Amino acid sequence: MQLLFLNDFGTSELFFIMFAVLVLFGAKSIPSIAKTLGRGMREVKQASDEIKRDISRSAAEMRREMNVDKHLDTFKNPIKELQNDILKENPKPLKPKIEEETKPSPPKIEEKTNEKTNDE
């Protein structure tokens, strides 16, 4: 995963930022800051997962309440009935007849020769 804001940073810029963090916060507080950031990121991920689960649960509940599956079956049944009716009328599958197509022959090109006839 490539972070958007890290595209333009070089090695020297990253070392400068790490040095500034070390000077500002000190070597003793950096592990606790990293730990706090890790917890915060974990909580955000858990919250987003929980929101996804809630949305999918509510969608499933709405589907049950509205009987969407039942309404979809009403559209499926006529198609199945038509298919069954066709199969009852024609139990054997129909094979389309392929007639041989006669290709027109290419036009004949008469060759003209420049031969002189003996009559001259």
N, C-alpha and C. Protein backbone atom coordinates (compact mmCIF):
# COMPACT_ATOMS: atom_id res chain seq x y z
N MET A 1 0.85 -1.18 0.00
CA MET A 1 0.00 0.00 0.00
C MET A 1 0.90 1.24 0.00
N GLN A 2 0.64 2.11 -0.89
CA GLN A 2 1.46 3.30 -1.02
C GLN A 2 0.67 4.49 -0.45
N LEU A 3 1.29 5.16 0.50
CA LEU A 3 0.61 6.30 1.09
C LEU A 3 0.76 7.51 0.18
N LEU A 4 -0.30 8.25 0.05
CA LEU A 4 -0.35 9.36 -0.89
C LEU A 4 0.66 10.45 -0.55
N PHE A 5 0.78 10.78 0.71
CA PHE A 5 1.65 11.89 1.09
C PHE A 5 3.12 11.50 1.17
N LEU A 6 3.46 10.21 1.04
CA LEU A 6 4.85 9.79 1.11
C LEU A 6 5.49 9.66 -0.26
N ASN A 7 4.78 10.00 -1.32
CA ASN A 7 5.33 9.85 -2.67
C ASN A 7 6.54 10.74 -2.92
N ASP A 8 6.54 11.95 -2.39
CA ASP A 8 7.58 12.91 -2.72
C ASP A 8 8.69 13.00 -1.67
N PHE A 9 8.63 12.20 -0.63
CA PHE A 9 9.66 12.25 0.40
C PHE A 9 10.84 11.38 0.01
N GLY A 10 12.02 11.93 0.19
CA GLY A 10 13.23 11.15 -0.04
C GLY A 10 13.79 10.66 1.28
N THR A 11 14.92 10.00 1.23
CA THR A 11 15.54 9.45 2.43
C THR A 11 15.97 10.55 3.38
N SER A 12 16.54 11.61 2.86
CA SER A 12 17.01 12.68 3.74
C SER A 12 15.83 13.36 4.46
N GLU A 13 14.71 13.53 3.78
CA GLU A 13 13.55 14.14 4.43
C GLU A 13 13.01 13.26 5.55
N LEU A 14 12.98 11.94 5.31
CA LEU A 14 12.49 11.02 6.35
C LEU A 14 13.41 11.02 7.57
N PHE A 15 14.73 11.04 7.34
CA PHE A 15 15.66 11.11 8.47
C PHE A 15 15.48 12.41 9.25
N PHE A 16 15.25 13.50 8.56
CA PHE A 16 15.03 14.78 9.23
C PHE A 16 13.77 14.73 10.09
N ILE A 17 12.70 14.16 9.56
CA ILE A 17 11.45 14.06 10.33
C ILE A 17 11.65 13.18 11.56
N MET A 18 12.32 12.03 11.39
CA MET A 18 12.56 11.15 12.54
C MET A 18 13.43 11.84 13.58
N PHE A 19 14.42 12.59 13.16
CA PHE A 19 15.27 13.34 14.10
C PHE A 19 14.45 14.39 14.85
N ALA A 20 13.57 15.09 14.14
CA ALA A 20 12.73 16.11 14.77
C ALA A 20 11.80 15.48 15.80
N VAL A 21 11.23 14.33 15.48
CA VAL A 21 10.35 13.63 16.44
C VAL A 21 11.16 13.20 17.65
N LEU A 22 12.34 12.70 17.44
CA LEU A 22 13.19 12.28 18.55
C LEU A 22 13.54 13.46 19.45
N VAL A 23 13.86 14.60 18.88
CA VAL A 23 14.21 15.78 19.67
C VAL A 23 13.00 16.31 20.42
N LEU A 24 11.85 16.38 19.73
CA LEU A 24 10.65 16.96 20.35
C LEU A 24 10.08 16.09 21.47
N PHE A 25 10.02 14.76 21.24
CA PHE A 25 9.34 13.90 22.21
C PHE A 25 10.30 13.12 23.10
N GLY A 26 11.51 12.94 22.71
CA GLY A 26 12.47 12.20 23.53
C GLY A 26 12.38 10.71 23.26
N ALA A 27 13.48 10.04 23.55
CA ALA A 27 13.56 8.61 23.27
C ALA A 27 12.63 7.79 24.16
N LYS A 28 12.33 8.29 25.37
CA LYS A 28 11.51 7.52 26.31
C LYS A 28 10.03 7.56 25.94
N SER A 29 9.55 8.63 25.35
CA SER A 29 8.11 8.75 25.07
C SER A 29 7.71 8.24 23.68
N ILE A 30 8.67 8.00 22.82
CA ILE A 30 8.32 7.53 21.46
C ILE A 30 7.61 6.17 21.48
N PRO A 31 8.07 5.17 22.27
CA PRO A 31 7.34 3.89 22.29
C PRO A 31 5.89 4.05 22.78
N SER A 32 5.67 4.90 23.76
CA SER A 32 4.29 5.07 24.25
C SER A 32 3.43 5.78 23.20
N ILE A 33 4.02 6.72 22.45
CA ILE A 33 3.27 7.39 21.38
C ILE A 33 2.91 6.38 20.29
N ALA A 34 3.86 5.52 19.92
CA ALA A 34 3.60 4.51 18.90
C ALA A 34 2.51 3.54 19.37
N LYS A 35 2.56 3.17 20.64
CA LYS A 35 1.56 2.27 21.21
C LYS A 35 0.18 2.91 21.17
N THR A 36 0.11 4.19 21.52
CA THR A 36 -1.16 4.91 21.51
C THR A 36 -1.70 5.02 20.08
N LEU A 37 -0.83 5.31 19.14
CA LEU A 37 -1.25 5.38 17.73
C LEU A 37 -1.76 4.02 17.25
N GLY A 38 -1.09 2.95 17.63
CA GLY A 38 -1.52 1.60 17.26
C GLY A 38 -2.90 1.28 17.80
N ARG A 39 -3.13 1.63 19.07
CA ARG A 39 -4.46 1.39 19.67
C ARG A 39 -5.54 2.19 18.94
N GLY A 40 -5.20 3.45 18.63
CA GLY A 40 -6.17 4.28 17.92
C GLY A 40 -6.52 3.73 16.55
N MET A 41 -5.51 3.26 15.84
CA MET A 41 -5.77 2.68 14.52
C MET A 41 -6.60 1.41 14.62
N ARG A 42 -6.34 0.58 15.66
CA ARG A 42 -7.11 -0.64 15.87
C ARG A 42 -8.57 -0.32 16.18
N GLU A 43 -8.79 0.71 17.00
CA GLU A 43 -10.16 1.11 17.34
C GLU A 43 -10.91 1.62 16.11
N VAL A 44 -10.22 2.38 15.28
CA VAL A 44 -10.86 2.87 14.05
C VAL A 44 -11.23 1.71 13.14
N LYS A 45 -10.35 0.71 13.01
CA LYS A 45 -10.64 -0.45 12.17
C LYS A 45 -11.80 -1.24 12.74
N GLN A 46 -11.83 -1.45 14.05
CA GLN A 46 -12.94 -2.17 14.66
C GLN A 46 -14.25 -1.42 14.47
N ALA A 47 -14.22 -0.10 14.60
CA ALA A 47 -15.44 0.69 14.41
C ALA A 47 -15.94 0.58 12.97
N SER A 48 -15.02 0.63 12.01
CA SER A 48 -15.46 0.53 10.62
C SER A 48 -16.00 -0.86 10.31
N ASP A 49 -15.40 -1.91 10.88
CA ASP A 49 -15.93 -3.26 10.71
C ASP A 49 -17.31 -3.40 11.32
N GLU A 50 -17.50 -2.79 12.48
CA GLU A 50 -18.80 -2.83 13.15
C GLU A 50 -19.87 -2.11 12.32
N ILE A 51 -19.51 -1.00 11.72
CA ILE A 51 -20.45 -0.27 10.86
C ILE A 51 -20.83 -1.12 9.65
N LYS A 52 -19.84 -1.80 9.05
CA LYS A 52 -20.13 -2.67 7.91
C LYS A 52 -21.09 -3.79 8.31
N ARG A 53 -20.86 -4.39 9.48
CA ARG A 53 -21.74 -5.47 9.94
C ARG A 53 -23.15 -4.95 10.19
N ASP A 54 -23.28 -3.76 10.79
CA ASP A 54 -24.59 -3.18 11.05
C ASP A 54 -25.34 -2.91 9.75
N ILE A 55 -24.65 -2.41 8.76
CA ILE A 55 -25.29 -2.13 7.47
C ILE A 55 -25.77 -3.42 6.82
N SER A 56 -24.94 -4.45 6.83
CA SER A 56 -25.35 -5.71 6.21
C SER A 56 -26.50 -6.36 6.98
N ARG A 57 -26.49 -6.25 8.31
CA ARG A 57 -27.61 -6.79 9.11
C ARG A 57 -28.91 -6.05 8.80
N SER A 58 -28.84 -4.72 8.75
CA SER A 58 -30.06 -3.96 8.49
C SER A 58 -30.56 -4.21 7.07
N ALA A 59 -29.66 -4.41 6.12
CA ALA A 59 -30.09 -4.72 4.76
C ALA A 59 -30.80 -6.07 4.72
N ALA A 60 -30.24 -7.06 5.43
CA ALA A 60 -30.88 -8.38 5.46
C ALA A 60 -32.24 -8.31 6.16
N GLU A 61 -32.31 -7.53 7.23
CA GLU A 61 -33.58 -7.37 7.95
C GLU A 61 -34.63 -6.70 7.06
N MET A 62 -34.23 -5.66 6.36
CA MET A 62 -35.16 -4.98 5.45
C MET A 62 -35.63 -5.92 4.35
N ARG A 63 -34.75 -6.76 3.88
CA ARG A 63 -35.11 -7.72 2.84
C ARG A 63 -36.16 -8.69 3.35
N ARG A 64 -35.97 -9.15 4.60
CA ARG A 64 -36.97 -10.07 5.19
C ARG A 64 -38.30 -9.37 5.38
N GLU A 65 -38.26 -8.14 5.89
CA GLU A 65 -39.51 -7.41 6.15
C GLU A 65 -40.27 -7.11 4.88
N MET A 66 -39.57 -6.79 3.83
CA MET A 66 -40.23 -6.42 2.59
C MET A 66 -40.55 -7.63 1.71
N ASN A 67 -40.15 -8.81 2.13
CA ASN A 67 -40.36 -10.04 1.36
C ASN A 67 -39.83 -9.90 -0.06
N VAL A 68 -38.64 -9.40 -0.17
CA VAL A 68 -38.04 -9.19 -1.49
C VAL A 68 -37.88 -10.52 -2.20
N ASP A 69 -37.48 -11.55 -1.47
CA ASP A 69 -37.27 -12.85 -2.09
C ASP A 69 -38.57 -13.40 -2.67
N LYS A 70 -39.67 -13.16 -1.95
CA LYS A 70 -40.98 -13.64 -2.43
C LYS A 70 -41.35 -12.91 -3.72
N HIS A 71 -41.11 -11.60 -3.75
CA HIS A 71 -41.43 -10.83 -4.95
C HIS A 71 -40.53 -11.22 -6.12
N LEU A 72 -39.29 -11.55 -5.83
CA LEU A 72 -38.41 -12.00 -6.90
C LEU A 72 -38.86 -13.34 -7.45
N ASP A 73 -39.40 -14.21 -6.58
CA ASP A 73 -39.90 -15.51 -7.04
C ASP A 73 -41.08 -15.34 -7.98
N THR A 74 -41.89 -14.30 -7.78
CA THR A 74 -43.03 -14.10 -8.68
C THR A 74 -42.55 -13.77 -10.09
N PHE A 75 -41.38 -13.16 -10.20
CA PHE A 75 -40.83 -12.90 -11.53
C PHE A 75 -40.16 -14.14 -12.11
N LYS A 76 -39.61 -14.98 -11.26
CA LYS A 76 -38.94 -16.17 -11.73
C LYS A 76 -39.94 -17.23 -12.19
N ASN A 77 -41.06 -17.36 -11.48
CA ASN A 77 -42.02 -18.41 -11.79
C ASN A 77 -42.59 -18.33 -13.20
N PRO A 78 -43.02 -17.17 -13.71
CA PRO A 78 -43.53 -17.15 -15.09
C PRO A 78 -42.49 -17.60 -16.12
N ILE A 79 -41.26 -17.27 -15.90
CA ILE A 79 -40.22 -17.70 -16.83
C ILE A 79 -40.06 -19.21 -16.78
N LYS A 80 -40.09 -19.77 -15.58
CA LYS A 80 -39.98 -21.22 -15.45
C LYS A 80 -41.19 -21.90 -16.07
N GLU A 81 -42.38 -21.30 -15.88
CA GLU A 81 -43.60 -21.87 -16.47
C GLU A 81 -43.51 -21.87 -18.00
N LEU A 82 -43.04 -20.78 -18.56
CA LEU A 82 -42.88 -20.73 -20.02
C LEU A 82 -41.89 -21.78 -20.50
N GLN A 83 -40.82 -21.93 -19.78
CA GLN A 83 -39.82 -22.91 -20.15
C GLN A 83 -40.41 -24.32 -20.09
N ASN A 84 -41.16 -24.61 -19.04
CA ASN A 84 -41.79 -25.93 -18.91
C ASN A 84 -42.82 -26.16 -20.00
N ASP A 85 -43.61 -25.12 -20.34
CA ASP A 85 -44.60 -25.26 -21.40
C ASP A 85 -43.94 -25.56 -22.74
N ILE A 86 -42.85 -24.89 -23.02
CA ILE A 86 -42.14 -25.12 -24.27
C ILE A 86 -41.59 -26.54 -24.31
N LEU A 87 -41.05 -27.00 -23.18
CA LEU A 87 -40.51 -28.36 -23.14
C LEU A 87 -41.60 -29.41 -23.25
N LYS A 88 -42.81 -29.12 -22.74
CA LYS A 88 -43.92 -30.07 -22.87
C LYS A 88 -44.37 -30.19 -24.31
N GLU A 89 -44.42 -29.06 -25.01
CA GLU A 89 -44.84 -29.07 -26.40
C GLU A 89 -43.80 -29.72 -27.31
N ASN A 90 -42.57 -29.48 -27.06
CA ASN A 90 -41.48 -30.00 -27.88
C ASN A 90 -40.48 -30.70 -26.96
N PRO A 91 -40.71 -31.99 -26.68
CA PRO A 91 -39.80 -32.66 -25.75
C PRO A 91 -38.38 -32.79 -26.30
N LYS A 92 -38.27 -32.89 -27.63
CA LYS A 92 -36.93 -33.00 -28.22
C LYS A 92 -36.43 -31.60 -28.52
N PRO A 93 -35.21 -31.34 -28.20
CA PRO A 93 -34.69 -30.00 -28.54
C PRO A 93 -34.62 -29.83 -30.05
N LEU A 94 -35.02 -28.69 -30.49
CA LEU A 94 -35.01 -28.41 -31.91
C LEU A 94 -33.60 -28.02 -32.34
N LYS A 95 -33.18 -28.65 -33.43
CA LYS A 95 -31.88 -28.29 -33.98
C LYS A 95 -32.12 -27.45 -35.22
N PRO A 96 -31.51 -26.34 -35.30
CA PRO A 96 -31.71 -25.52 -36.49
C PRO A 96 -31.08 -26.19 -37.71
N LYS A 97 -31.80 -26.14 -38.82
CA LYS A 97 -31.29 -26.71 -40.06
C LYS A 97 -30.38 -25.69 -40.72
N ILE A 98 -29.22 -26.16 -41.04
CA ILE A 98 -28.27 -25.28 -41.70
C ILE A 98 -28.25 -25.69 -43.16
N GLU A 99 -28.73 -24.81 -43.99
CA GLU A 99 -28.73 -25.10 -45.41
C GLU A 99 -27.40 -24.66 -45.99
N GLU A 100 -26.98 -25.45 -46.96
CA GLU A 100 -25.72 -25.09 -47.59
C GLU A 100 -25.94 -23.85 -48.43
N GLU A 101 -25.13 -22.94 -48.20
CA GLU A 101 -25.20 -21.72 -48.98
C GLU A 101 -24.35 -21.90 -50.22
N THR A 102 -24.95 -21.57 -51.32
CA THR A 102 -24.17 -21.66 -52.54
C THR A 102 -23.48 -20.32 -52.74
N LYS A 103 -22.21 -20.42 -52.78
CA LYS A 103 -21.43 -19.21 -52.97
C LYS A 103 -21.37 -18.90 -54.46
N PRO A 104 -21.63 -17.69 -54.82
CA PRO A 104 -21.54 -17.37 -56.24
C PRO A 104 -20.10 -17.50 -56.72
N SER A 105 -19.98 -18.04 -57.90
CA SER A 105 -18.63 -18.20 -58.42
C SER A 105 -18.10 -16.84 -58.85
N PRO A 106 -16.83 -16.66 -58.76
CA PRO A 106 -16.26 -15.36 -59.14
C PRO A 106 -16.45 -15.13 -60.64
N PRO A 107 -16.62 -13.92 -61.04
CA PRO A 107 -16.83 -13.66 -62.47
C PRO A 107 -15.59 -14.06 -63.28
N LYS A 108 -15.89 -14.59 -64.44
CA LYS A 108 -14.79 -15.01 -65.30
C LYS A 108 -14.25 -13.81 -66.04
N ILE A 109 -12.98 -13.71 -66.06
CA ILE A 109 -12.32 -12.61 -66.75
C ILE A 109 -11.76 -13.16 -68.06
N GLU A 110 -12.23 -12.60 -69.11
CA GLU A 110 -11.75 -13.05 -70.41
C GLU A 110 -10.41 -12.38 -70.68
N GLU A 111 -9.52 -13.19 -71.09
CA GLU A 111 -8.20 -12.67 -71.39
C GLU A 111 -8.16 -12.23 -72.84
N LYS A 112 -7.71 -11.06 -73.05
CA LYS A 112 -7.56 -10.55 -74.41
C LYS A 112 -6.10 -10.71 -74.80
N THR A 113 -5.95 -11.26 -75.89
CA THR A 113 -4.58 -11.44 -76.39
C THR A 113 -4.33 -10.51 -77.55
N ASN A 114 -3.15 -10.14 -77.71
CA ASN A 114 -2.78 -9.24 -78.79
C ASN A 114 -2.27 -10.02 -80.02
N GLU A 115 -2.71 -11.20 -80.15
CA GLU A 115 -2.28 -11.99 -81.28
C GLU A 115 -2.97 -11.52 -82.55
N LYS A 116 -2.26 -11.52 -83.56
CA LYS A 116 -2.84 -11.13 -84.85
C LYS A 116 -3.39 -12.37 -85.51
N THR A 117 -4.49 -12.17 -86.08
CA THR A 117 -5.10 -13.30 -86.78
C THR A 117 -4.42 -13.47 -88.14
N ASN A 118 -4.51 -14.63 -88.68
CA ASN A 118 -3.88 -14.94 -89.96
C ASN A 118 -4.62 -14.32 -91.14
N ASP A 119 -5.80 -13.79 -90.89
CA ASP A 119 -6.60 -13.23 -91.97
C ASP A 119 -5.98 -11.96 -92.50
N GLU A 120 -5.23 -11.29 -91.79
CA GLU A 120 -4.68 -10.02 -92.22
C GLU A 120 -3.59 -10.17 -93.18
